[in-house]
Structure formats: structure tokens, C-alpha cells
C-alpha atoms as a PDB file:
ATOM      1  CA  MET A   1      77.805-172.679 -60.065  1.00  0.00           C
ATOM      2  CA  ILE A   2      78.959-175.917 -61.618  1.00  0.00           C
ATOM      3  CA  THR A   3      75.579-177.625 -61.206  1.00  0.00           C
ATOM      4  CA  ILE A   4      73.862-174.989 -63.351  1.00  0.00           C
ATOM      5  CA  ARG A   5      76.599-175.262 -65.964  1.00  0.00           C
ATOM      6  CA  ILE A   6      76.279-179.051 -66.212  1.00  0.00           C
ATOM      7  CA  ILE A   7      72.491-178.939 -66.458  1.00  0.00           C
ATOM      8  CA  SER A   8      72.694-176.154 -69.046  1.00  0.00           C
ATOM      9  CA  ASP A   9      75.267-178.088 -71.102  1.00  0.00           C
ATOM     10  CA  VAL A  10      73.169-181.254 -71.019  1.00  0.00           C
ATOM     11  CA  PHE A  11      69.983-179.355 -71.927  1.00  0.00           C
ATOM     12  CA  ASN A  12      71.666-177.549 -74.800  1.00  0.00           C
ATOM     13  CA  ARG A  13      73.160-180.751 -76.195  1.00  0.00           C
ATOM     14  CA  GLU A  14      69.816-182.553 -75.980  1.00  0.00           C
ATOM     15  CA  ARG A  15      67.990-179.677 -77.683  1.00  0.00           C
ATOM     16  CA  ALA A  16      70.617-179.420 -80.431  1.00  0.00           C
ATOM     17  CA  SER A  17      70.656-183.188 -81.028  1.00  0.00           C
ATOM     18  CA  ASP A  18      66.856-183.166 -81.421  1.00  0.00           C
ATOM     19  CA  GLY A  19      67.090-180.427 -84.031  1.00  0.00           C
ATOM     20  CA  GLY A  20      65.916-177.815 -81.544  1.00  0.00           C
ATOM     21  CA  GLN A  21      67.662-174.586 -80.813  1.00  0.00           C
ATOM     22  CA  ALA A  22      70.019-174.435 -77.839  1.00  0.00           C
ATOM     23  CA  LEU A  23      69.542-171.746 -75.243  1.00  0.00           C
ATOM     24  CA  PRO A  24      71.648-168.618 -75.655  1.00  0.00           C
ATOM     25  CA  PRO A  25      74.655-168.375 -73.311  1.00  0.00           C
ATOM     26  CA  ALA A  26      73.030-165.541 -71.385  1.00  0.00           C
ATOM     27  CA  VAL A  27      69.352-165.806 -70.526  1.00  0.00           C
ATOM     28  CA  THR A  28      67.462-162.592 -69.876  1.00  0.00           C
ATOM     29  CA  ARG A  29      65.379-162.756 -66.720  1.00  0.00           C
ATOM     30  CA  GLU A  30      61.859-161.467 -66.793  1.00  0.00           C
ATOM     31  CA  ARG A  31      60.422-159.615 -63.829  1.00  0.00           C
ATOM     32  CA  SER A  32      58.517-162.673 -62.528  1.00  0.00           C
ATOM     33  CA  ALA A  33      61.663-164.813 -62.761  1.00  0.00           C
ATOM     34  CA  THR A  34      63.590-162.158 -60.853  1.00  0.00           C
ATOM     35  CA  GLN A  35      60.974-162.282 -58.111  1.00  0.00           C
ATOM     36  CA  ASP A  36      61.461-166.058 -57.875  1.00  0.00           C
ATOM     37  CA  LEU A  37      65.247-165.743 -57.832  1.00  0.00           C
ATOM     38  CA  PRO A  38      65.644-166.158 -54.028  1.00  0.00           C
ATOM     39  CA  THR A  39      63.736-169.446 -54.188  1.00  0.00           C
ATOM     40  CA  LEU A  40      65.765-170.647 -57.173  1.00  0.00           C
ATOM     41  CA  GLU A  41      69.023-169.695 -55.482  1.00  0.00           C
ATOM     42  CA  ARG A  42      67.985-171.577 -52.341  1.00  0.00           C
ATOM     43  CA  HIS A  43      67.230-174.673 -54.435  1.00  0.00           C
ATOM     44  CA  TRP A  44      70.562-174.443 -56.285  1.00  0.00           C
ATOM     45  CA  ARG A  45      72.443-174.129 -52.974  1.00  0.00           C
ATOM     46  CA  ALA A  46      70.584-177.194 -51.696  1.00  0.00           C
ATOM     47  CA  THR A  47      71.406-179.055 -54.924  1.00  0.00           C
ATOM     48  CA  GLU A  48      75.092-178.201 -54.637  1.00  0.00           C
ATOM     49  CA  SER A  49      75.125-179.202 -50.953  1.00  0.00           C
ATOM     50  CA  ALA A  50      73.533-182.537 -51.858  1.00  0.00           C
ATOM     51  CA  ALA A  51      76.152-183.076 -54.579  1.00  0.00           C
ATOM     52  CA  ARG A  52      78.977-182.355 -52.107  1.00  0.00           C
ATOM     53  CA  GLU A  53      77.365-184.753 -49.628  1.00  0.00           C
ATOM     54  CA  LEU A  54      77.198-187.438 -52.313  1.00  0.00           C
ATOM     55  CA  GLU A  55      80.843-186.809 -53.218  1.00  0.00           C
ATOM     56  CA  ARG A  56      81.856-187.366 -49.591  1.00  0.00           C
ATOM     57  CA  GLU A  57      79.732-190.504 -49.359  1.00  0.00           C
ATOM     58  CA  ILE A  58      81.088-192.154 -52.509  1.00  0.00           C
ATOM     59  CA  ASP A  59      84.528-190.518 -52.281  1.00  0.00           C
ATOM     60  CA  ALA A  60      84.409-189.424 -55.918  1.00  0.00           C
ATOM     61  CA  PRO A  61      84.033-186.046 -57.675  1.00  0.00           C
ATOM     62  CA  VAL A  62      80.445-186.130 -58.944  1.00  0.00           C
ATOM     63  CA  ALA A  63      80.780-183.094 -61.244  1.00  0.00           C
ATOM     64  CA  ALA A  64      83.931-184.497 -62.879  1.00  0.00           C
ATOM     65  CA  ILE A  65      82.293-187.893 -63.342  1.00  0.00           C
ATOM     66  CA  LEU A  66      79.213-186.297 -64.905  1.00  0.00           C
ATOM     67  CA  MET A  67      81.321-184.192 -67.264  1.00  0.00           C
ATOM     68  CA  SER A  68      83.329-187.271 -68.293  1.00  0.00           C
ATOM     69  CA  ALA A  69      80.086-189.157 -68.922  1.00  0.00           C
ATOM     70  CA  ILE A  70      78.682-186.272 -70.983  1.00  0.00           C
ATOM     71  CA  GLU A  71      81.863-186.123 -73.078  1.00  0.00           C
ATOM     72  CA  ALA A  72      81.827-189.912 -73.618  1.00  0.00           C
ATOM     73  CA  LEU A  73      78.159-189.797 -74.656  1.00  0.00           C
ATOM     74  CA  ASP A  74      78.943-186.940 -77.059  1.00  0.00           C
ATOM     75  CA  ARG A  75      81.481-189.237 -78.733  1.00  0.00           C
ATOM     76  CA  ARG A  76      79.089-192.208 -78.843  1.00  0.00           C
ATOM     77  CA  SER A  77      75.489-192.047 -77.635  1.00  0.00           C
ATOM     78  CA  PHE A  78      73.972-194.439 -75.128  1.00  0.00           C
ATOM     79  CA  GLY A  79      71.586-195.630 -77.854  1.00  0.00           C
ATOM     80  CA  GLU A  80      74.547-196.529 -80.073  1.00  0.00           C
ATOM     81  CA  ARG A  81      76.139-198.405 -77.187  1.00  0.00           C
ATOM     82  CA  ILE A  82      72.934-200.369 -76.578  1.00  0.00           C
ATOM     83  CA  GLY A  83      72.613-201.145 -80.288  1.00  0.00           C
ATOM     84  CA  ASP A  84      76.209-202.375 -80.451  1.00  0.00           C
ATOM     85  CA  ASN A  85      75.626-204.674 -77.478  1.00  0.00           C
ATOM     86  CA  ILE A  86      72.402-206.047 -78.970  1.00  0.00           C
ATOM     87  CA  HIS A  87      74.352-206.807 -82.155  1.00  0.00           C
ATOM     88  CA  LYS A  88      77.052-208.574 -80.109  1.00  0.00           C
ATOM     89  CA  GLU A  89      74.395-210.655 -78.319  1.00  0.00           C
ATOM     90  CA  LYS A  90      72.900-211.742 -81.658  1.00  0.00           C
ATOM     91  CA  SER A  91      76.362-212.735 -82.916  1.00  0.00           C
ATOM     92  CA  ASN A  92      77.012-215.059 -79.996  1.00  0.00           C
END
């Protein structure tokens, strides 16, 4: 599921950038989580359906756009971009 992968990648990058520890690639499910799995799966299917609906509406691949944005922000954070633009405003 691409949605889970994107969310996991974003979460892991945020945790690592804050000095926290990223989640392991495989997460062990506890019994209570396994019991909730049907509900989680239903929510993920709904999330993916909503993403496909959005893609049709805007005629653009949402997952690809998100991955491109994540990669661009890995190269230069949004905070850095804001700071650079504040500096430009002061210069003018």
C-alpha cells in the first residue's frame, strides 16, 4: 500500500530529524493491534480510494507529487525555504 509507505517514510524522516529513533522496517503487531486490523484495513482502503478520487479530480498523481515534495524537502527544508525568502524580503 503506497499510502502506508509514504506516511511511514514521512514519520521516520521527522523522527530522525528530531533526533528520535525511526521505526524499524517491520513492526511487530501485538494481539490488540491484530484485533483492530480489520478496522485499520478498512480505513486504509478508504484513504487509498480518497487519494484515487483526488487524483481523478485534479488529474495528477498524488502519490508521485507527495514523494517529489518529500524528496525536495529532504534536500532543503521548508523552514530553510521560508528563511531564505525572509532574507530576500529584507534585502529588497
